Amino acid sequence: MLKTLVKNARQAAAPGAPEVLAAIKQLDSAARKGIIHRNAAARSKSRLLRRAAQPARGGAQPTASPA
């Protein structure tokens, strides 16, 4: 069920989408119960939120400006 929620969250459009929030809640719960390591849960949540915050694919990826 956890993998399904994360997969659905990846397809969501916005960081505040219900799918993303449900996936984050389940990741936290799994980490609390020891099903997955807490760092793995944090890494998954970070990746989900970064992906949801990105604009739609097809454009150039943002890069650091040269100093």
C-alpha atoms as a PDB file:
ATOM      1  CA  MET A   1       0.000   0.000   0.000  1.00  0.00           C
ATOM      2  CA  LEU A   2       2.882   2.341   0.734  1.00  0.00           C
ATOM      3  CA  LYS A   3       4.377   1.948  -2.740  1.00  0.00           C
ATOM      4  CA  THR A   4       0.978   2.603  -4.324  1.00  0.00           C
ATOM      5  CA  LEU A   5       0.480   5.805  -2.342  1.00  0.00           C
ATOM      6  CA  VAL A   6       3.931   7.055  -3.302  1.00  0.00           C
ATOM      7  CA  LYS A   7       3.300   6.211  -6.950  1.00  0.00           C
ATOM      8  CA  ASN A   8      -0.007   8.112  -6.923  1.00  0.00           C
ATOM      9  CA  ALA A   9       1.642  11.043  -5.183  1.00  0.00           C
ATOM     10  CA  ARG A  10       4.305  11.225  -7.909  1.00  0.00           C
ATOM     11  CA  GLN A  11       1.549  11.715 -10.453  1.00  0.00           C
ATOM     12  CA  ALA A  12      -0.109  14.489  -8.422  1.00  0.00           C
ATOM     13  CA  ALA A  13       0.179  18.034  -9.679  1.00  0.00           C
ATOM     14  CA  ALA A  14       0.822  20.117  -6.544  1.00  0.00           C
ATOM     15  CA  PRO A  15       2.700  19.742  -3.245  1.00  0.00           C
ATOM     16  CA  GLY A  16      -0.555  20.197  -1.300  1.00  0.00           C
ATOM     17  CA  ALA A  17      -2.458  17.572  -3.280  1.00  0.00           C
ATOM     18  CA  PRO A  18      -4.345  14.997  -1.181  1.00  0.00           C
ATOM     19  CA  GLU A  19      -2.311  12.175  -2.720  1.00  0.00           C
ATOM     20  CA  VAL A  20       0.964  13.755  -1.600  1.00  0.00           C
ATOM     21  CA  LEU A  21      -0.336  14.399   1.906  1.00  0.00           C
ATOM     22  CA  ALA A  22      -1.599  10.815   2.218  1.00  0.00           C
ATOM     23  CA  ALA A  23       1.754   9.426   1.088  1.00  0.00           C
ATOM     24  CA  ILE A  24       3.637  11.592   3.584  1.00  0.00           C
ATOM     25  CA  LYS A  25       1.343  10.481   6.388  1.00  0.00           C
ATOM     26  CA  GLN A  26       1.881   6.809   5.546  1.00  0.00           C
ATOM     27  CA  LEU A  27       5.655   7.256   5.236  1.00  0.00           C
ATOM     28  CA  ASP A  28       5.739   8.849   8.691  1.00  0.00           C
ATOM     29  CA  SER A  29       3.605   6.061  10.110  1.00  0.00           C
ATOM     30  CA  ALA A  30       5.797   3.349   8.582  1.00  0.00           C
ATOM     31  CA  ALA A  31       8.922   5.004   9.961  1.00  0.00           C
ATOM     32  CA  ARG A  32       7.372   5.322  13.413  1.00  0.00           C
ATOM     33  CA  LYS A  33       6.491   1.608  13.429  1.00  0.00           C
ATOM     34  CA  GLY A  34       9.933   0.610  12.187  1.00  0.00           C
ATOM     35  CA  ILE A  35       8.712  -0.754   8.854  1.00  0.00           C
ATOM     36  CA  ILE A  36      11.147   1.498   7.022  1.00  0.00           C
ATOM     37  CA  HIS A  37      14.104   3.445   8.379  1.00  0.00           C
ATOM     38  CA  ARG A  38      13.347   7.023   9.381  1.00  0.00           C
ATOM     39  CA  ASN A  39      16.008   8.355   7.019  1.00  0.00           C
ATOM     40  CA  ALA A  40      14.468   6.391   4.132  1.00  0.00           C
ATOM     41  CA  ALA A  41      11.091   7.948   4.934  1.00  0.00           C
ATOM     42  CA  ALA A  42      12.619  11.428   5.064  1.00  0.00           C
ATOM     43  CA  ARG A  43      14.405  10.848   1.754  1.00  0.00           C
ATOM     44  CA  SER A  44      11.185   9.654   0.092  1.00  0.00           C
ATOM     45  CA  LYS A  45       9.220  12.632   1.409  1.00  0.00           C
ATOM     46  CA  SER A  46      11.898  15.031   0.209  1.00  0.00           C
ATOM     47  CA  ARG A  47      11.904  13.516  -3.261  1.00  0.00           C
ATOM     48  CA  LEU A  48       8.111  13.620  -3.444  1.00  0.00           C
ATOM     49  CA  LEU A  49       7.912  17.261  -2.460  1.00  0.00           C
ATOM     50  CA  ARG A  50      10.729  18.291  -4.803  1.00  0.00           C
ATOM     51  CA  ARG A  51       9.056  16.492  -7.695  1.00  0.00           C
ATOM     52  CA  ALA A  52       5.628  17.976  -6.920  1.00  0.00           C
ATOM     53  CA  ALA A  53       7.075  21.487  -6.667  1.00  0.00           C
ATOM     54  CA  GLN A  54       8.752  21.312 -10.090  1.00  0.00           C
ATOM     55  CA  PRO A  55       6.935  22.812 -13.063  1.00  0.00           C
ATOM     56  CA  ALA A  56       5.569  20.423 -15.645  1.00  0.00           C
ATOM     57  CA  ARG A  57       8.240  18.463 -17.501  1.00  0.00           C
ATOM     58  CA  GLY A  58       9.316  19.462 -20.944  1.00  0.00           C
ATOM     59  CA  GLY A  59      11.262  22.574 -20.013  1.00  0.00           C
ATOM     60  CA  ALA A  60      14.869  22.981 -19.045  1.00  0.00           C
ATOM     61  CA  GLN A  61      15.924  21.869 -15.604  1.00  0.00           C
ATOM     62  CA  PRO A  62      16.863  24.740 -13.269  1.00  0.00           C
ATOM     63  CA  THR A  63      20.609  24.998 -12.789  1.00  0.00           C
ATOM     64  CA  ALA A  64      22.816  27.012 -10.493  1.00  0.00           C
ATOM     65  CA  SER A  65      23.947  30.289 -11.948  1.00  0.00           C
ATOM     66  CA  PRO A  66      27.675  30.523 -12.611  1.00  0.00           C
ATOM     67  CA  ALA A  67      29.488  32.793 -10.197  1.00  0.00           C
END
